[in-house]
Amino acid sequence: MDPVSMLVGAALLAVGVVTGRLGRRRATPPPAPPTPLCGCGHVLSQHDTETNTCYAELRRDTYDKRGRWSGHQWVPCTCRQYVGPRPIDEVFVPRLLPPTAD
């Protein structure tokens, strides 16, 4: 091989190494998995599986007769049914436990 081809190849290799070193991405931690939420903002564990109602409580502001803020009051969530994503085992296999009384 002639020396010019060797120099061109070495120069291309050097440019590739420098570009790779300068342009590489920093390792970032993987994002946390998203939490499946219902439309009311609560997770599946706060919904009753038999009646599909939400048993969480919400903090609401309360006001007196003159319209002044008087504190907080805890009221039950008005969600009627969990509408978020279902676990995959509930989609394909019905629940077996607890057994139904016949």
C-alpha atoms as a PDB file:
ATOM      1  CA  MET A   1       0.000   0.000   0.000  1.00  0.00           C
ATOM      2  CA  ASP A   2       1.145   3.474  -0.679  1.00  0.00           C
ATOM      3  CA  PRO A   3       1.751   5.878   2.246  1.00  0.00           C
ATOM      4  CA  VAL A   4      -0.948   8.352   1.126  1.00  0.00           C
ATOM      5  CA  SER A   5      -3.723   5.752   1.486  1.00  0.00           C
ATOM      6  CA  MET A   6      -2.398   4.806   4.921  1.00  0.00           C
ATOM      7  CA  LEU A   7      -2.422   8.443   6.040  1.00  0.00           C
ATOM      8  CA  VAL A   8      -5.971   9.015   4.728  1.00  0.00           C
ATOM      9  CA  GLY A   9      -7.180   5.873   6.537  1.00  0.00           C
ATOM     10  CA  ALA A  10      -5.459   6.889   9.775  1.00  0.00           C
ATOM     11  CA  ALA A  11      -6.945  10.385   9.532  1.00  0.00           C
ATOM     12  CA  LEU A  12     -10.444   8.980   8.999  1.00  0.00           C
ATOM     13  CA  LEU A  13      -9.989   6.643  11.955  1.00  0.00           C
ATOM     14  CA  ALA A  14      -8.789   9.504  14.182  1.00  0.00           C
ATOM     15  CA  VAL A  15     -11.729  11.724  13.161  1.00  0.00           C
ATOM     16  CA  GLY A  16     -14.148   8.885  13.947  1.00  0.00           C
ATOM     17  CA  VAL A  17     -12.631   8.250  17.379  1.00  0.00           C
ATOM     18  CA  VAL A  18     -12.670  11.952  18.310  1.00  0.00           C
ATOM     19  CA  THR A  19     -16.244  12.373  17.073  1.00  0.00           C
ATOM     20  CA  GLY A  20     -17.336   9.314  19.042  1.00  0.00           C
ATOM     21  CA  ARG A  21     -15.700  10.560  22.238  1.00  0.00           C
ATOM     22  CA  LEU A  22     -17.121  14.059  22.005  1.00  0.00           C
ATOM     23  CA  GLY A  23     -20.577  13.122  20.782  1.00  0.00           C
ATOM     24  CA  ARG A  24     -21.429  10.201  23.043  1.00  0.00           C
ATOM     25  CA  ARG A  25     -24.457  10.463  25.247  1.00  0.00           C
ATOM     26  CA  ARG A  26     -24.273  10.381  28.992  1.00  0.00           C
ATOM     27  CA  ALA A  27     -25.906   7.410  30.694  1.00  0.00           C
ATOM     28  CA  THR A  28     -29.246   8.416  32.201  1.00  0.00           C
ATOM     29  CA  PRO A  29     -31.226   6.285  34.603  1.00  0.00           C
ATOM     30  CA  PRO A  30     -34.346   4.711  33.113  1.00  0.00           C
ATOM     31  CA  PRO A  31     -37.558   6.616  33.849  1.00  0.00           C
ATOM     32  CA  ALA A  32     -39.818   5.366  36.599  1.00  0.00           C
ATOM     33  CA  PRO A  33     -42.755   3.279  35.372  1.00  0.00           C
ATOM     34  CA  PRO A  34     -45.954   5.304  35.183  1.00  0.00           C
ATOM     35  CA  THR A  35     -48.483   4.789  37.948  1.00  0.00           C
ATOM     36  CA  PRO A  36     -51.863   3.696  36.570  1.00  0.00           C
ATOM     37  CA  LEU A  37     -54.460   6.167  37.806  1.00  0.00           C
ATOM     38  CA  CYS A  38     -58.211   6.382  37.512  1.00  0.00           C
ATOM     39  CA  GLY A  39     -59.969   9.486  36.277  1.00  0.00           C
ATOM     40  CA  CYS A  40     -60.407  10.575  39.888  1.00  0.00           C
ATOM     41  CA  GLY A  41     -56.632  10.459  40.433  1.00  0.00           C
ATOM     42  CA  HIS A  42     -56.549   7.368  42.641  1.00  0.00           C
ATOM     43  CA  VAL A  43     -54.852   4.030  42.013  1.00  0.00           C
ATOM     44  CA  LEU A  44     -56.584   0.662  41.550  1.00  0.00           C
ATOM     45  CA  SER A  45     -55.848  -0.381  45.140  1.00  0.00           C
ATOM     46  CA  GLN A  46     -58.171   2.372  46.445  1.00  0.00           C
ATOM     47  CA  HIS A  47     -61.150   1.024  44.496  1.00  0.00           C
ATOM     48  CA  ASP A  48     -63.364  -1.824  45.664  1.00  0.00           C
ATOM     49  CA  THR A  49     -63.157  -4.651  43.126  1.00  0.00           C
ATOM     50  CA  GLU A  50     -66.714  -5.884  43.702  1.00  0.00           C
ATOM     51  CA  THR A  51     -68.664  -2.626  43.690  1.00  0.00           C
ATOM     52  CA  ASN A  52     -66.134  -0.623  41.592  1.00  0.00           C
ATOM     53  CA  THR A  53     -66.482   2.365  43.932  1.00  0.00           C
ATOM     54  CA  CYS A  54     -63.622   4.457  45.248  1.00  0.00           C
ATOM     55  CA  TYR A  55     -63.195   4.528  49.018  1.00  0.00           C
ATOM     56  CA  ALA A  56     -60.514   7.241  49.152  1.00  0.00           C
ATOM     57  CA  GLU A  57     -61.179  10.634  50.704  1.00  0.00           C
ATOM     58  CA  LEU A  58     -60.538  14.068  49.255  1.00  0.00           C
ATOM     59  CA  ARG A  59     -59.597  17.240  51.130  1.00  0.00           C
ATOM     60  CA  ARG A  60     -61.951  20.109  50.282  1.00  0.00           C
ATOM     61  CA  ASP A  61     -61.811  23.710  51.397  1.00  0.00           C
ATOM     62  CA  THR A  62     -64.682  24.859  53.583  1.00  0.00           C
ATOM     63  CA  TYR A  63     -66.029  28.386  53.869  1.00  0.00           C
ATOM     64  CA  ASP A  64     -68.234  30.065  56.455  1.00  0.00           C
ATOM     65  CA  LYS A  65     -71.445  32.000  55.770  1.00  0.00           C
ATOM     66  CA  ARG A  66     -69.526  35.159  54.923  1.00  0.00           C
ATOM     67  CA  GLY A  67     -67.423  33.387  52.309  1.00  0.00           C
ATOM     68  CA  ARG A  68     -64.205  33.292  54.340  1.00  0.00           C
ATOM     69  CA  TRP A  69     -62.010  30.216  54.275  1.00  0.00           C
ATOM     70  CA  SER A  70     -62.501  28.197  57.460  1.00  0.00           C
ATOM     71  CA  GLY A  71     -60.354  25.117  56.919  1.00  0.00           C
ATOM     72  CA  HIS A  72     -60.483  21.721  55.305  1.00  0.00           C
ATOM     73  CA  GLN A  73     -63.021  18.946  55.323  1.00  0.00           C
ATOM     74  CA  TRP A  74     -62.487  15.335  54.267  1.00  0.00           C
ATOM     75  CA  VAL A  75     -65.209  14.078  51.925  1.00  0.00           C
ATOM     76  CA  PRO A  76     -65.558  10.689  50.187  1.00  0.00           C
ATOM     77  CA  CYS A  77     -64.448  10.465  46.545  1.00  0.00           C
ATOM     78  CA  THR A  78     -67.368  10.596  44.114  1.00  0.00           C
ATOM     79  CA  CYS A  79     -65.815   8.168  41.632  1.00  0.00           C
ATOM     80  CA  ARG A  80     -68.324   5.475  40.636  1.00  0.00           C
ATOM     81  CA  GLN A  81     -66.051   3.060  38.760  1.00  0.00           C
ATOM     82  CA  TYR A  82     -62.335   2.517  38.140  1.00  0.00           C
ATOM     83  CA  VAL A  83     -61.656   3.469  34.516  1.00  0.00           C
ATOM     84  CA  GLY A  84     -57.863   3.177  34.492  1.00  0.00           C
ATOM     85  CA  PRO A  85     -55.799   0.365  32.990  1.00  0.00           C
ATOM     86  CA  ARG A  86     -56.615  -3.122  34.261  1.00  0.00           C
ATOM     87  CA  PRO A  87     -53.976  -5.630  35.359  1.00  0.00           C
ATOM     88  CA  ILE A  88     -53.306  -8.146  32.589  1.00  0.00           C
ATOM     89  CA  ASP A  89     -54.306 -11.145  34.712  1.00  0.00           C
ATOM     90  CA  GLU A  90     -57.817  -9.719  35.201  1.00  0.00           C
ATOM     91  CA  VAL A  91     -58.272  -9.328  31.459  1.00  0.00           C
ATOM     92  CA  PHE A  92     -57.570 -12.942  30.530  1.00  0.00           C
ATOM     93  CA  VAL A  93     -58.346 -14.932  33.705  1.00  0.00           C
ATOM     94  CA  PRO A  94     -61.253 -14.232  36.066  1.00  0.00           C
ATOM     95  CA  ARG A  95     -60.514 -14.048  39.768  1.00  0.00           C
ATOM     96  CA  LEU A  96     -60.722 -17.441  41.489  1.00  0.00           C
ATOM     97  CA  LEU A  97     -60.377 -16.369  45.109  1.00  0.00           C
ATOM     98  CA  PRO A  98     -62.345 -15.894  47.256  1.00  0.00           C
ATOM     99  CA  PRO A  99     -64.752 -18.602  46.136  1.00  0.00           C
ATOM    100  CA  THR A 100     -68.389 -17.691  45.752  1.00  0.00           C
ATOM    101  CA  ALA A 101     -70.850 -19.281  48.171  1.00  0.00           C
ATOM    102  CA  ASP A 102     -73.421 -21.445  46.414  1.00  0.00           C
END
